[in-house]
Amino acid sequence: MQLLTITGAIDGTNDTFTISPVSTDIKLFHNGILQDPNLSYSLEILQLNLSSIPQKGDNLLAFGN
């Protein structure tokens, strides 16, 4: 797996991010915790669910194939 680039404001309100390169199999980590794609985000546009919106100062990492 390679580290993906996540683009989008981490400000407590933004829930939509882009990832590059595009991958259909990603592992998303929010503050070091692996997120469940069924509960935390939608892969189509990497839209985070309301309960998973990162706050200012949070860290998002994504890995994919």
Protein backbone atom coordinates (compact mmCIF):
# COMPACT_ATOMS: atom_id res chain seq x y z
CA MET A 1 0.00 0.00 0.00
CA GLN A 2 1.14 3.53 -0.67
CA LEU A 3 0.43 6.75 1.21
CA LEU A 4 -2.27 8.75 -0.59
CA THR A 5 -2.56 12.53 -0.70
CA ILE A 6 -5.70 13.88 0.98
CA THR A 7 -6.88 17.33 -0.07
CA GLY A 8 -9.54 19.34 1.76
CA ALA A 9 -9.89 21.68 4.70
CA ILE A 10 -9.68 20.07 8.14
CA ASP A 11 -11.79 22.65 9.94
CA GLY A 12 -14.59 20.86 11.80
CA THR A 13 -17.20 21.51 9.11
CA ASN A 14 -15.77 20.15 5.85
CA ASP A 15 -16.81 16.55 5.18
CA THR A 16 -15.60 16.12 1.58
CA PHE A 17 -12.02 15.31 0.64
CA THR A 18 -10.22 14.12 -2.46
CA ILE A 19 -7.55 11.46 -2.53
CA SER A 20 -4.75 11.09 -5.03
CA PRO A 21 -4.00 8.81 -6.68
CA VAL A 22 -7.55 7.46 -6.84
CA SER A 23 -7.83 4.04 -5.22
CA THR A 24 -10.74 1.66 -4.77
CA ASP A 25 -9.15 0.05 -1.73
CA ILE A 26 -8.12 2.54 0.92
CA LYS A 27 -7.36 2.43 4.60
CA LEU A 28 -8.32 5.74 6.24
CA PHE A 29 -6.82 6.71 9.60
CA HIS A 30 -8.25 9.59 11.67
CA ASN A 31 -5.86 10.61 14.45
CA GLY A 32 -4.16 7.23 14.10
CA ILE A 33 -7.35 5.17 14.37
CA LEU A 34 -8.34 3.00 11.40
CA GLN A 35 -11.81 4.02 10.23
CA ASP A 36 -14.55 1.57 9.22
CA PRO A 37 -15.73 2.35 5.67
CA ASN A 38 -19.25 1.17 6.59
CA LEU A 39 -19.50 3.62 9.47
CA SER A 40 -17.13 6.54 8.87
CA TYR A 41 -16.85 7.38 5.19
CA SER A 42 -18.05 6.80 1.66
CA LEU A 43 -15.36 5.89 -0.85
CA GLU A 44 -17.06 7.39 -3.90
CA ILE A 45 -15.82 10.91 -3.05
CA LEU A 46 -14.31 10.24 0.38
CA GLN A 47 -17.19 11.93 2.15
CA LEU A 48 -16.93 11.53 5.89
CA ASN A 49 -20.01 10.87 7.96
CA LEU A 50 -21.14 13.63 10.32
CA SER A 51 -19.72 11.83 13.37
CA SER A 52 -16.33 11.46 11.66
CA ILE A 53 -15.71 15.03 10.43
CA PRO A 54 -12.15 15.94 11.40
CA GLN A 55 -11.70 18.91 13.68
CA LYS A 56 -9.08 21.62 13.25
CA GLY A 57 -5.72 20.11 14.15
CA ASP A 58 -6.79 16.53 13.44
CA ASN A 59 -4.69 14.24 11.27
CA LEU A 60 -5.99 12.22 8.30
CA LEU A 61 -3.92 9.57 6.54
CA ALA A 62 -5.04 7.27 3.73
CA PHE A 63 -3.27 4.31 2.20
CA GLY A 64 -4.31 2.51 -0.96
CA ASN A 65 -3.25 0.17 -3.72
